[in-house]
Each structure stands twice: as C-alpha cells, then as structure tokens.
C-alpha cells in the first residue's frame, strides 16, 4: 500500500457531507428531555384529574354517587339515565339554558370576532389621525378586568331598561379588546402590504381587497380569536348573574350554579347528581371545538414567530 493511498483513505469522509454523527444534535431534530417530559406529564394529570372525576361520577346513579368513593365506578352504569333526567328536570329547563348559551355565543362571541377582525385589520393596515390613541385605548381596555366594569354596565343598562333581557348579555360581549389586539398583531404580520397595494393598483376596492386578499390570510388568526371569545362567552358567569333575574334567560353557568345551591338544602341531594352530569354536558362542546380547530389554533398562536 503506497503512501498516496493511505493519505487518500485518511482524507476520505467517513460519512456523507451534511449527515451528523450518531447522537449529535441536529436543528431539525427536537431535543428530548426526560425532566421536561415528566413535568409535562404531571401537569397533564393535574389538568385531567377533575375531568376524570366528573366522568366517573356522571356514570353513577344517586345511591352509588352518595355512597361510593369519588374515583370508583358504581354498580350500575347510569350515564344515559342521568342525561335523560338532566333534560327532563324542572320541565326541561336545562335545554332552555343550553339554547340560551348557544344564542349568547352565536351573537355575542360571533359579533365580537366580526368586530375584532375588521378593527384589527384596519388598525394594522391603515394610517389615520388618532391611530395611536385608539391603540392606547385598546391596550388600556385589556388591562382593566371585566369585573370592574360590571357594575357601571349594569347601571347603564338599567337606565335604558334593558336588564333581564338577552341584549344585556349580548351587547357587552361584543367588546373584546384582547381579541382585537390579537387580530391587529396577526394582520400586521400575516398580510404583506405589497399584496394589498398590488390589489389596489389592479382596481380592486378596499372591501374586495379585504375579502379576497386579506381575509384568507387571516383565517388562522380568526380561529384563534374565535376560540378565545367562544370560551369566554360560554363560561361567562358574572355578567349574566347581575343582569338576569328570569331563570328562562339563564345560560348554563348560572343555571347549574342554581341547581348546585338547591343541592345543599335538606331533601335535595338528588340534584347533586344532576349538577355533575350537567357540568359534563356543558364542557363537551368546548372540548369538541378545541379538538376540531386545534391545527388552526396552533397556526394562529405561532403566527409572527418566524418571519418569511
């Protein structure tokens, strides 16, 4: 074997160029950490703990619910019987509460998303006098907790004679400063100004430019804002509590709390089982919505983190 052959073999790469050594870090490979995996698992169990308790107890009849351990199944699977009882108790008032909640979500959360999309797009892509003042107002509204505005809102609607009506719940729900801010950030990053200018040069009106150019690019952000507003409206408790007196206009949160208050009285232990089953039925639509829109939600949260 000649010296040149030895030199050639020595210089010959042992692996293709660009292929990392075994066990070496590569940017395309996510790092695995046992500690972080364990911590994530602990938080997952902590988050699912109440849900598991609720599912197990919703399958029990009343004697098993009162006489067995919370995480032990009863002797009879009574989930369907409990669901039927929930929808027939007090002349089916639970179904009315469910329809009320859907109405508040459709008009309140839907209107809030509609306004947030248009306002966020306009705030991000147009220059107008007072723009900084509007943005400062939005940021200030985010900093103010909604509970601090509940009493002034109630007094205003009482002056107008609109309390104890669906309007008193829907109209305040239309104001979503955090959703507007999210749409502002998303529109500023997701919609290139050059595309809007090209559409205007081609003769498209502002509305056509928005609907044909801007709106498709805003889809992930719209889904993200929709999830936030739907969840907030679905779980809204304090505003309906002070605005509504007629139980026929209650959402699910107020109605279930009313049943829970009844269950603490003497002779009303049967209502406890209804509260558990009703609570399970209440969170199912939110879980389904999150699972169905998960990929769009993740894309919306990641928008702007990497610039193209």
C-alpha atoms as a PDB file:
ATOM      1  CA  UNK A   1       0.000   0.000   0.000  1.00  0.00           C
ATOM      2  CA  UNK A   2       1.524   3.298  -1.111  1.00  0.00           C
ATOM      3  CA  UNK A   3       1.719   6.496   0.883  1.00  0.00           C
ATOM      4  CA  UNK A   4      -0.720   8.259  -1.510  1.00  0.00           C
ATOM      5  CA  UNK A   5      -3.327   5.548  -0.926  1.00  0.00           C
ATOM      6  CA  UNK A   6      -3.050   5.969   2.827  1.00  0.00           C
ATOM      7  CA  UNK A   7      -3.429   9.743   2.516  1.00  0.00           C
ATOM      8  CA  UNK A   8      -6.486   9.361   0.258  1.00  0.00           C
ATOM      9  CA  UNK A   9      -8.139   6.977   2.703  1.00  0.00           C
ATOM     10  CA  UNK A  10      -7.354   9.305   5.570  1.00  0.00           C
ATOM     11  CA  UNK A  11      -8.935  12.257   3.808  1.00  0.00           C
ATOM     12  CA  UNK A  12     -11.964  10.287   2.640  1.00  0.00           C
ATOM     13  CA  UNK A  13     -15.008  11.316   4.722  1.00  0.00           C
ATOM     14  CA  UNK A  14     -16.409   8.509   6.833  1.00  0.00           C
ATOM     15  CA  UNK A  15     -19.998   9.695   6.226  1.00  0.00           C
ATOM     16  CA  UNK A  16     -21.763  11.819   3.602  1.00  0.00           C
ATOM     17  CA  UNK A  17     -21.360  15.557   3.910  1.00  0.00           C
ATOM     18  CA  UNK A  18     -24.198  17.127   5.887  1.00  0.00           C
ATOM     19  CA  UNK A  19     -25.098  13.960   7.776  1.00  0.00           C
ATOM     20  CA  UNK A  20     -24.437  14.443  11.507  1.00  0.00           C
ATOM     21  CA  UNK A  21     -22.764  11.879  13.688  1.00  0.00           C
ATOM     22  CA  UNK A  22     -24.945   9.449  15.560  1.00  0.00           C
ATOM     23  CA  UNK A  23     -26.228  11.119  18.682  1.00  0.00           C
ATOM     24  CA  UNK A  24     -25.143  14.570  17.541  1.00  0.00           C
ATOM     25  CA  UNK A  25     -27.583  17.474  17.777  1.00  0.00           C
ATOM     26  CA  UNK A  26     -29.294  18.478  14.558  1.00  0.00           C
ATOM     27  CA  UNK A  27     -31.562  21.549  14.275  1.00  0.00           C
ATOM     28  CA  UNK A  28     -34.324  19.533  12.582  1.00  0.00           C
ATOM     29  CA  UNK A  29     -34.460  17.067  15.455  1.00  0.00           C
ATOM     30  CA  UNK A  30     -36.292  18.195  18.590  1.00  0.00           C
ATOM     31  CA  UNK A  31     -34.342  17.622  21.735  1.00  0.00           C
ATOM     32  CA  UNK A  32     -35.807  15.158  24.189  1.00  0.00           C
ATOM     33  CA  UNK A  33     -35.699  15.902  27.889  1.00  0.00           C
ATOM     34  CA  UNK A  34     -36.843  13.354  30.417  1.00  0.00           C
ATOM     35  CA  UNK A  35     -37.278  16.025  33.088  1.00  0.00           C
ATOM     36  CA  UNK A  36     -39.499  18.236  30.939  1.00  0.00           C
ATOM     37  CA  UNK A  37     -41.471  15.198  29.798  1.00  0.00           C
ATOM     38  CA  UNK A  38     -42.138  14.212  33.399  1.00  0.00           C
ATOM     39  CA  UNK A  39     -43.125  17.761  34.331  1.00  0.00           C
ATOM     40  CA  UNK A  40     -45.499  17.918  31.364  1.00  0.00           C
ATOM     41  CA  UNK A  41     -46.987  14.572  32.390  1.00  0.00           C
ATOM     42  CA  UNK A  42     -47.563  15.821  35.942  1.00  0.00           C
ATOM     43  CA  UNK A  43     -49.386  18.914  34.665  1.00  0.00           C
ATOM     44  CA  UNK A  44     -51.408  16.759  32.263  1.00  0.00           C
ATOM     45  CA  UNK A  45     -52.565  14.501  35.089  1.00  0.00           C
ATOM     46  CA  UNK A  46     -53.340  17.551  37.225  1.00  0.00           C
ATOM     47  CA  UNK A  47     -55.457  19.060  34.418  1.00  0.00           C
ATOM     48  CA  UNK A  48     -57.308  15.820  33.652  1.00  0.00           C
ATOM     49  CA  UNK A  49     -57.908  14.928  37.306  1.00  0.00           C
ATOM     50  CA  UNK A  50     -61.186  16.914  37.703  1.00  0.00           C
ATOM     51  CA  UNK A  51     -62.409  15.782  34.286  1.00  0.00           C
ATOM     52  CA  UNK A  52     -61.847  12.138  35.171  1.00  0.00           C
ATOM     53  CA  UNK A  53     -63.691  12.591  38.474  1.00  0.00           C
ATOM     54  CA  UNK A  54     -66.589  14.216  36.653  1.00  0.00           C
ATOM     55  CA  UNK A  55     -66.830  11.465  34.016  1.00  0.00           C
ATOM     56  CA  UNK A  56     -66.774   8.678  36.613  1.00  0.00           C
ATOM     57  CA  UNK A  57     -69.410  10.278  38.829  1.00  0.00           C
ATOM     58  CA  UNK A  58     -71.674  11.073  35.883  1.00  0.00           C
ATOM     59  CA  UNK A  59     -71.987   7.332  35.263  1.00  0.00           C
ATOM     60  CA  UNK A  60     -73.340   6.589  38.752  1.00  0.00           C
ATOM     61  CA  UNK A  61     -76.893   6.541  39.968  1.00  0.00           C
ATOM     62  CA  UNK A  62     -77.783   8.514  43.087  1.00  0.00           C
ATOM     63  CA  UNK A  63     -77.163   5.755  45.706  1.00  0.00           C
ATOM     64  CA  UNK A  64     -73.737   4.967  44.204  1.00  0.00           C
ATOM     65  CA  UNK A  65     -72.919   8.673  43.921  1.00  0.00           C
ATOM     66  CA  UNK A  66     -73.670   9.252  47.601  1.00  0.00           C
ATOM     67  CA  UNK A  67     -72.198   6.013  48.907  1.00  0.00           C
ATOM     68  CA  UNK A  68     -69.049   5.270  46.884  1.00  0.00           C
ATOM     69  CA  UNK A  69     -65.602   6.768  46.559  1.00  0.00           C
ATOM     70  CA  UNK A  70     -65.318   9.538  44.008  1.00  0.00           C
ATOM     71  CA  UNK A  71     -62.936   7.683  41.686  1.00  0.00           C
ATOM     72  CA  UNK A  72     -64.690   4.321  41.992  1.00  0.00           C
ATOM     73  CA  UNK A  73     -67.315   3.248  39.457  1.00  0.00           C
ATOM     74  CA  UNK A  74     -70.761   2.393  40.730  1.00  0.00           C
ATOM     75  CA  UNK A  75     -72.540  -0.894  40.500  1.00  0.00           C
ATOM     76  CA  UNK A  76     -74.709   0.263  37.576  1.00  0.00           C
ATOM     77  CA  UNK A  77     -73.767   2.345  34.523  1.00  0.00           C
ATOM     78  CA  UNK A  78     -76.370   5.119  34.678  1.00  0.00           C
ATOM     79  CA  UNK A  79     -74.929   7.789  32.366  1.00  0.00           C
ATOM     80  CA  UNK A  80     -77.816   7.683  29.904  1.00  0.00           C
ATOM     81  CA  UNK A  81     -80.397   7.767  32.701  1.00  0.00           C
ATOM     82  CA  UNK A  82     -78.647  10.779  34.230  1.00  0.00           C
ATOM     83  CA  UNK A  83     -78.620  12.601  30.885  1.00  0.00           C
ATOM     84  CA  UNK A  84     -82.343  11.973  30.423  1.00  0.00           C
ATOM     85  CA  UNK A  85     -83.020  13.223  33.951  1.00  0.00           C
ATOM     86  CA  UNK A  86     -80.971  16.361  33.341  1.00  0.00           C
ATOM     87  CA  UNK A  87     -83.016  17.265  30.255  1.00  0.00           C
ATOM     88  CA  UNK A  88     -86.375  16.485  31.907  1.00  0.00           C
ATOM     89  CA  UNK A  89     -85.807  18.013  35.362  1.00  0.00           C
ATOM     90  CA  UNK A  90     -87.900  21.155  36.031  1.00  0.00           C
ATOM     91  CA  UNK A  91     -89.778  20.805  32.734  1.00  0.00           C
ATOM     92  CA  UNK A  92     -86.601  20.617  30.662  1.00  0.00           C
ATOM     93  CA  UNK A  93     -85.093  23.907  31.809  1.00  0.00           C
ATOM     94  CA  UNK A  94     -81.574  22.599  31.067  1.00  0.00           C
ATOM     95  CA  UNK A  95     -82.366  22.503  27.337  1.00  0.00           C
ATOM     96  CA  UNK A  96     -83.514  26.108  27.539  1.00  0.00           C
ATOM     97  CA  UNK A  97     -80.291  27.099  29.289  1.00  0.00           C
ATOM     98  CA  UNK A  98     -78.313  25.303  26.590  1.00  0.00           C
ATOM     99  CA  UNK A  99     -80.143  27.188  23.837  1.00  0.00           C
ATOM    100  CA  UNK A 100     -79.595  30.464  25.677  1.00  0.00           C
ATOM    101  CA  UNK A 101     -75.877  29.767  25.904  1.00  0.00           C
ATOM    102  CA  UNK A 102     -75.701  28.950  22.200  1.00  0.00           C
ATOM    103  CA  UNK A 103     -77.549  32.185  21.441  1.00  0.00           C
ATOM    104  CA  UNK A 104     -75.160  34.247  23.562  1.00  0.00           C
ATOM    105  CA  UNK A 105     -72.186  32.574  21.871  1.00  0.00           C
ATOM    106  CA  UNK A 106     -73.585  32.992  18.357  1.00  0.00           C
ATOM    107  CA  UNK A 107     -74.473  36.674  18.680  1.00  0.00           C
ATOM    108  CA  UNK A 108     -72.059  37.789  21.405  1.00  0.00           C
ATOM    109  CA  UNK A 109     -68.897  35.875  20.530  1.00  0.00           C
ATOM    110  CA  UNK A 110     -69.695  35.892  16.807  1.00  0.00           C
ATOM    111  CA  UNK A 111     -70.209  39.644  16.825  1.00  0.00           C
ATOM    112  CA  UNK A 112     -67.044  40.152  18.875  1.00  0.00           C
ATOM    113  CA  UNK A 113     -64.992  38.185  16.332  1.00  0.00           C
ATOM    114  CA  UNK A 114     -66.576  40.119  13.454  1.00  0.00           C
ATOM    115  CA  UNK A 115     -65.712  43.469  15.019  1.00  0.00           C
ATOM    116  CA  UNK A 116     -62.231  42.326  16.066  1.00  0.00           C
ATOM    117  CA  UNK A 117     -61.361  41.178  12.541  1.00  0.00           C
ATOM    118  CA  UNK A 118     -62.398  44.414  10.861  1.00  0.00           C
ATOM    119  CA  UNK A 119     -60.975  46.669  13.586  1.00  0.00           C
ATOM    120  CA  UNK A 120     -57.692  44.741  13.848  1.00  0.00           C
ATOM    121  CA  UNK A 121     -57.221  44.777  10.075  1.00  0.00           C
ATOM    122  CA  UNK A 122     -57.964  48.496   9.855  1.00  0.00           C
ATOM    123  CA  UNK A 123     -55.707  49.324  12.781  1.00  0.00           C
ATOM    124  CA  UNK A 124     -52.836  47.318  11.299  1.00  0.00           C
ATOM    125  CA  UNK A 125     -53.052  48.304   7.630  1.00  0.00           C
ATOM    126  CA  UNK A 126     -54.397  51.865   7.572  1.00  0.00           C
ATOM    127  CA  UNK A 127     -52.965  55.141   8.791  1.00  0.00           C
ATOM    128  CA  UNK A 128     -55.449  57.665  10.177  1.00  0.00           C
ATOM    129  CA  UNK A 129     -55.472  60.520  12.687  1.00  0.00           C
ATOM    130  CA  UNK A 130     -55.686  59.268  16.251  1.00  0.00           C
ATOM    131  CA  UNK A 131     -54.389  55.786  15.485  1.00  0.00           C
ATOM    132  CA  UNK A 132     -52.017  55.805  18.439  1.00  0.00           C
ATOM    133  CA  UNK A 133     -54.818  56.967  20.709  1.00  0.00           C
ATOM    134  CA  UNK A 134     -57.064  54.119  19.545  1.00  0.00           C
ATOM    135  CA  UNK A 135     -54.298  51.592  20.108  1.00  0.00           C
ATOM    136  CA  UNK A 136     -53.607  53.007  23.582  1.00  0.00           C
ATOM    137  CA  UNK A 137     -57.322  52.752  24.385  1.00  0.00           C
ATOM    138  CA  UNK A 138     -57.371  49.107  23.321  1.00  0.00           C
ATOM    139  CA  UNK A 139     -54.332  48.309  25.451  1.00  0.00           C
ATOM    140  CA  UNK A 140     -55.879  50.113  28.400  1.00  0.00           C
ATOM    141  CA  UNK A 141     -59.117  48.167  27.993  1.00  0.00           C
ATOM    142  CA  UNK A 142     -57.146  44.909  28.112  1.00  0.00           C
ATOM    143  CA  UNK A 143     -55.595  45.965  31.417  1.00  0.00           C
ATOM    144  CA  UNK A 144     -58.985  46.643  33.039  1.00  0.00           C
ATOM    145  CA  UNK A 145     -60.612  43.481  34.466  1.00  0.00           C
ATOM    146  CA  UNK A 146     -64.129  42.813  33.228  1.00  0.00           C
ATOM    147  CA  UNK A 147     -65.446  42.522  36.795  1.00  0.00           C
ATOM    148  CA  UNK A 148     -64.547  46.177  37.403  1.00  0.00           C
ATOM    149  CA  UNK A 149     -66.867  47.217  34.552  1.00  0.00           C
ATOM    150  CA  UNK A 150     -69.796  45.001  35.579  1.00  0.00           C
ATOM    151  CA  UNK A 151     -71.480  47.463  37.947  1.00  0.00           C
ATOM    152  CA  UNK A 152     -71.209  50.505  35.615  1.00  0.00           C
ATOM    153  CA  UNK A 153     -72.504  48.352  32.779  1.00  0.00           C
ATOM    154  CA  UNK A 154     -75.441  47.214  34.900  1.00  0.00           C
ATOM    155  CA  UNK A 155     -76.315  50.800  35.871  1.00  0.00           C
ATOM    156  CA  UNK A 156     -76.184  51.896  32.234  1.00  0.00           C
ATOM    157  CA  UNK A 157     -78.446  49.087  31.051  1.00  0.00           C
ATOM    158  CA  UNK A 158     -80.780  49.646  33.997  1.00  0.00           C
ATOM    159  CA  UNK A 159     -81.172  53.287  32.913  1.00  0.00           C
ATOM    160  CA  UNK A 160     -82.062  52.061  29.425  1.00  0.00           C
ATOM    161  CA  UNK A 161     -84.489  49.461  30.799  1.00  0.00           C
ATOM    162  CA  UNK A 162     -82.636  46.578  29.130  1.00  0.00           C
ATOM    163  CA  UNK A 163     -81.739  44.465  32.151  1.00  0.00           C
ATOM    164  CA  UNK A 164     -83.206  40.961  32.413  1.00  0.00           C
ATOM    165  CA  UNK A 165     -83.072  40.661  28.620  1.00  0.00           C
ATOM    166  CA  UNK A 166     -80.657  38.809  26.306  1.00  0.00           C
ATOM    167  CA  UNK A 167     -79.468  42.175  24.976  1.00  0.00           C
ATOM    168  CA  UNK A 168     -77.883  42.975  28.352  1.00  0.00           C
ATOM    169  CA  UNK A 169     -75.636  39.908  27.945  1.00  0.00           C
ATOM    170  CA  UNK A 170     -75.010  40.049  24.191  1.00  0.00           C
ATOM    171  CA  UNK A 171     -74.054  43.716  23.785  1.00  0.00           C
ATOM    172  CA  UNK A 172     -71.282  43.773  26.445  1.00  0.00           C
ATOM    173  CA  UNK A 173     -69.928  40.523  24.983  1.00  0.00           C
ATOM    174  CA  UNK A 174     -69.329  42.309  21.674  1.00  0.00           C
ATOM    175  CA  UNK A 175     -66.453  44.235  23.258  1.00  0.00           C
ATOM    176  CA  UNK A 176     -63.339  42.034  23.091  1.00  0.00           C
ATOM    177  CA  UNK A 177     -60.200  44.200  23.375  1.00  0.00           C
ATOM    178  CA  UNK A 178     -57.866  41.227  23.660  1.00  0.00           C
ATOM    179  CA  UNK A 179     -59.336  39.673  20.502  1.00  0.00           C
ATOM    180  CA  UNK A 180     -58.922  42.990  18.691  1.00  0.00           C
ATOM    181  CA  UNK A 181     -55.288  43.154  19.774  1.00  0.00           C
ATOM    182  CA  UNK A 182     -54.641  39.605  18.567  1.00  0.00           C
ATOM    183  CA  UNK A 183     -56.138  40.398  15.176  1.00  0.00           C
ATOM    184  CA  UNK A 184     -54.053  43.577  14.982  1.00  0.00           C
ATOM    185  CA  UNK A 185     -50.844  41.635  15.625  1.00  0.00           C
ATOM    186  CA  UNK A 186     -51.815  38.863  13.232  1.00  0.00           C
ATOM    187  CA  UNK A 187     -52.860  41.220  10.422  1.00  0.00           C
ATOM    188  CA  UNK A 188     -49.652  43.221  10.773  1.00  0.00           C
ATOM    189  CA  UNK A 189     -47.513  40.075  10.340  1.00  0.00           C
ATOM    190  CA  UNK A 190     -49.602  37.816   8.086  1.00  0.00           C
ATOM    191  CA  UNK A 191     -50.721  40.247   5.385  1.00  0.00           C
ATOM    192  CA  UNK A 192     -47.916  41.749   3.262  1.00  0.00           C
ATOM    193  CA  UNK A 193     -48.602  45.374   2.438  1.00  0.00           C
ATOM    194  CA  UNK A 194     -47.295  44.766  -1.102  1.00  0.00           C
ATOM    195  CA  UNK A 195     -50.171  42.381  -1.814  1.00  0.00           C
ATOM    196  CA  UNK A 196     -52.728  44.977  -0.741  1.00  0.00           C
ATOM    197  CA  UNK A 197     -51.047  47.641  -2.865  1.00  0.00           C
ATOM    198  CA  UNK A 198     -50.988  45.317  -5.873  1.00  0.00           C
ATOM    199  CA  UNK A 199     -54.726  44.655  -5.489  1.00  0.00           C
ATOM    200  CA  UNK A 200     -55.418  48.391  -5.286  1.00  0.00           C
ATOM    201  CA  UNK A 201     -53.322  49.039  -8.401  1.00  0.00           C
ATOM    202  CA  UNK A 202     -55.400  46.423 -10.224  1.00  0.00           C
ATOM    203  CA  UNK A 203     -58.505  48.453  -9.382  1.00  0.00           C
ATOM    204  CA  UNK A 204     -59.913  46.425  -6.507  1.00  0.00           C
ATOM    205  CA  UNK A 205     -61.938  48.309  -3.920  1.00  0.00           C
ATOM    206  CA  UNK A 206     -60.980  48.218  -0.247  1.00  0.00           C
ATOM    207  CA  UNK A 207     -63.751  45.757   0.587  1.00  0.00           C
ATOM    208  CA  UNK A 208     -62.814  43.469  -2.284  1.00  0.00           C
ATOM    209  CA  UNK A 209     -59.146  43.688  -1.289  1.00  0.00           C
ATOM    210  CA  UNK A 210     -60.051  42.737   2.259  1.00  0.00           C
ATOM    211  CA  UNK A 211     -62.305  39.814   1.378  1.00  0.00           C
ATOM    212  CA  UNK A 212     -60.209  38.354  -1.446  1.00  0.00           C
ATOM    213  CA  UNK A 213     -56.676  39.102  -0.234  1.00  0.00           C
ATOM    214  CA  UNK A 214     -56.682  39.849   3.483  1.00  0.00           C
ATOM    215  CA  UNK A 215     -59.399  37.570   4.844  1.00  0.00           C
ATOM    216  CA  UNK A 216     -57.936  34.248   3.582  1.00  0.00           C
ATOM    217  CA  UNK A 217     -54.599  35.109   5.178  1.00  0.00           C
ATOM    218  CA  UNK A 218     -56.333  35.943   8.462  1.00  0.00           C
ATOM    219  CA  UNK A 219     -58.037  32.538   8.766  1.00  0.00           C
ATOM    220  CA  UNK A 220     -55.720  31.082  11.465  1.00  0.00           C
ATOM    221  CA  UNK A 221     -55.941  34.270  13.484  1.00  0.00           C
ATOM    222  CA  UNK A 222     -59.731  34.319  13.181  1.00  0.00           C
ATOM    223  CA  UNK A 223     -59.902  30.771  14.517  1.00  0.00           C
ATOM    224  CA  UNK A 224     -57.662  31.686  17.443  1.00  0.00           C
ATOM    225  CA  UNK A 225     -59.736  34.735  18.359  1.00  0.00           C
ATOM    226  CA  UNK A 226     -62.935  32.707  17.925  1.00  0.00           C
ATOM    227  CA  UNK A 227     -61.744  30.079  20.389  1.00  0.00           C
ATOM    228  CA  UNK A 228     -60.869  32.714  22.969  1.00  0.00           C
ATOM    229  CA  UNK A 229     -64.149  34.608  22.616  1.00  0.00           C
ATOM    230  CA  UNK A 230     -66.322  31.483  22.447  1.00  0.00           C
ATOM    231  CA  UNK A 231     -64.700  30.112  25.596  1.00  0.00           C
ATOM    232  CA  UNK A 232     -65.073  33.430  27.417  1.00  0.00           C
ATOM    233  CA  UNK A 233     -68.732  33.787  26.427  1.00  0.00           C
ATOM    234  CA  UNK A 234     -69.568  30.140  27.128  1.00  0.00           C
ATOM    235  CA  UNK A 235     -68.053  30.375  30.615  1.00  0.00           C
ATOM    236  CA  UNK A 236     -69.346  33.885  31.302  1.00  0.00           C
ATOM    237  CA  UNK A 237     -70.786  33.946  34.807  1.00  0.00           C
ATOM    238  CA  UNK A 238     -70.612  37.344  36.496  1.00  0.00           C
ATOM    239  CA  UNK A 239     -72.278  39.411  33.755  1.00  0.00           C
ATOM    240  CA  UNK A 240     -75.388  37.192  33.403  1.00  0.00           C
ATOM    241  CA  UNK A 241     -75.545  36.899  37.197  1.00  0.00           C
ATOM    242  CA  UNK A 242     -76.080  40.630  37.697  1.00  0.00           C
ATOM    243  CA  UNK A 243     -78.054  41.257  34.504  1.00  0.00           C
ATOM    244  CA  UNK A 244     -80.620  38.431  34.540  1.00  0.00           C
ATOM    245  CA  UNK A 245     -83.337  37.635  37.064  1.00  0.00           C
ATOM    246  CA  UNK A 246     -85.614  35.446  34.953  1.00  0.00           C
ATOM    247  CA  UNK A 247     -84.326  31.855  35.009  1.00  0.00           C
ATOM    248  CA  UNK A 248     -85.628  31.266  31.491  1.00  0.00           C
ATOM    249  CA  UNK A 249     -82.854  33.540  30.184  1.00  0.00           C
ATOM    250  CA  UNK A 250     -80.070  31.954  32.234  1.00  0.00           C
ATOM    251  CA  UNK A 251     -77.018  30.478  30.496  1.00  0.00           C
ATOM    252  CA  UNK A 252     -75.680  27.108  31.599  1.00  0.00           C
ATOM    253  CA  UNK A 253     -73.220  28.605  34.091  1.00  0.00           C
ATOM    254  CA  UNK A 254     -75.916  30.400  36.100  1.00  0.00           C
ATOM    255  CA  UNK A 255     -78.400  27.554  35.791  1.00  0.00           C
ATOM    256  CA  UNK A 256     -76.010  24.903  37.050  1.00  0.00           C
ATOM    257  CA  UNK A 257     -74.998  27.157  39.933  1.00  0.00           C
ATOM    258  CA  UNK A 258     -78.679  27.479  40.826  1.00  0.00           C
ATOM    259  CA  UNK A 259     -79.002  23.684  40.877  1.00  0.00           C
ATOM    260  CA  UNK A 260     -75.856  23.451  42.962  1.00  0.00           C
ATOM    261  CA  UNK A 261     -77.374  25.849  45.506  1.00  0.00           C
ATOM    262  CA  UNK A 262     -80.501  23.673  45.625  1.00  0.00           C
ATOM    263  CA  UNK A 263     -78.423  20.556  46.267  1.00  0.00           C
ATOM    264  CA  UNK A 264     -77.155  21.975  49.569  1.00  0.00           C
ATOM    265  CA  UNK A 265     -80.662  22.184  51.037  1.00  0.00           C
ATOM    266  CA  UNK A 266     -82.257  19.372  53.032  1.00  0.00           C
ATOM    267  CA  UNK A 267     -84.014  16.766  50.890  1.00  0.00           C
ATOM    268  CA  UNK A 268     -82.460  17.912  47.598  1.00  0.00           C
ATOM    269  CA  UNK A 269     -79.468  15.558  47.467  1.00  0.00           C
ATOM    270  CA  UNK A 270     -80.706  14.164  44.149  1.00  0.00           C
ATOM    271  CA  UNK A 271     -79.799  17.427  42.450  1.00  0.00           C
ATOM    272  CA  UNK A 272     -76.093  16.814  43.139  1.00  0.00           C
ATOM    273  CA  UNK A 273     -76.045  14.065  40.550  1.00  0.00           C
ATOM    274  CA  UNK A 274     -77.712  16.382  38.051  1.00  0.00           C
ATOM    275  CA  UNK A 275     -75.085  19.077  38.635  1.00  0.00           C
ATOM    276  CA  UNK A 276     -72.266  16.637  37.845  1.00  0.00           C
ATOM    277  CA  UNK A 277     -73.906  15.302  34.689  1.00  0.00           C
ATOM    278  CA  UNK A 278     -74.953  18.774  33.564  1.00  0.00           C
ATOM    279  CA  UNK A 279     -71.411  20.068  34.052  1.00  0.00           C
ATOM    280  CA  UNK A 280     -70.059  17.225  31.911  1.00  0.00           C
ATOM    281  CA  UNK A 281     -72.545  18.029  29.161  1.00  0.00           C
ATOM    282  CA  UNK A 282     -71.582  21.692  29.409  1.00  0.00           C
ATOM    283  CA  UNK A 283     -67.866  21.201  28.731  1.00  0.00           C
ATOM    284  CA  UNK A 284     -68.252  18.653  25.917  1.00  0.00           C
ATOM    285  CA  UNK A 285     -68.950  21.309  23.210  1.00  0.00           C
ATOM    286  CA  UNK A 286     -65.831  23.239  24.233  1.00  0.00           C
ATOM    287  CA  UNK A 287     -63.667  20.111  24.105  1.00  0.00           C
ATOM    288  CA  UNK A 288     -65.020  19.169  20.674  1.00  0.00           C
ATOM    289  CA  UNK A 289     -64.455  22.708  19.384  1.00  0.00           C
ATOM    290  CA  UNK A 290     -60.850  22.783  20.582  1.00  0.00           C
ATOM    291  CA  UNK A 291     -60.082  19.363  19.114  1.00  0.00           C
ATOM    292  CA  UNK A 292     -61.717  20.183  15.786  1.00  0.00           C
ATOM    293  CA  UNK A 293     -59.931  23.533  15.384  1.00  0.00           C
ATOM    294  CA  UNK A 294     -56.656  22.542  17.036  1.00  0.00           C
ATOM    295  CA  UNK A 295     -54.424  22.788  13.981  1.00  0.00           C
ATOM    296  CA  UNK A 296     -55.808  26.212  13.027  1.00  0.00           C
ATOM    297  CA  UNK A 297     -55.436  27.395  16.622  1.00  0.00           C
ATOM    298  CA  UNK A 298     -51.789  26.317  16.783  1.00  0.00           C
ATOM    299  CA  UNK A 299     -51.078  28.036  13.479  1.00  0.00           C
ATOM    300  CA  UNK A 300     -52.661  31.233  14.780  1.00  0.00           C
ATOM    301  CA  UNK A 301     -50.653  31.195  18.002  1.00  0.00           C
ATOM    302  CA  UNK A 302     -47.413  30.623  16.057  1.00  0.00           C
ATOM    303  CA  UNK A 303     -48.084  33.430  13.591  1.00  0.00           C
ATOM    304  CA  UNK A 304     -45.399  36.046  13.607  1.00  0.00           C
ATOM    305  CA  UNK A 305     -42.882  33.891  15.455  1.00  0.00           C
ATOM    306  CA  UNK A 306     -40.967  33.170  12.242  1.00  0.00           C
ATOM    307  CA  UNK A 307     -40.757  35.738   9.507  1.00  0.00           C
ATOM    308  CA  UNK A 308     -40.683  34.530   5.951  1.00  0.00           C
END
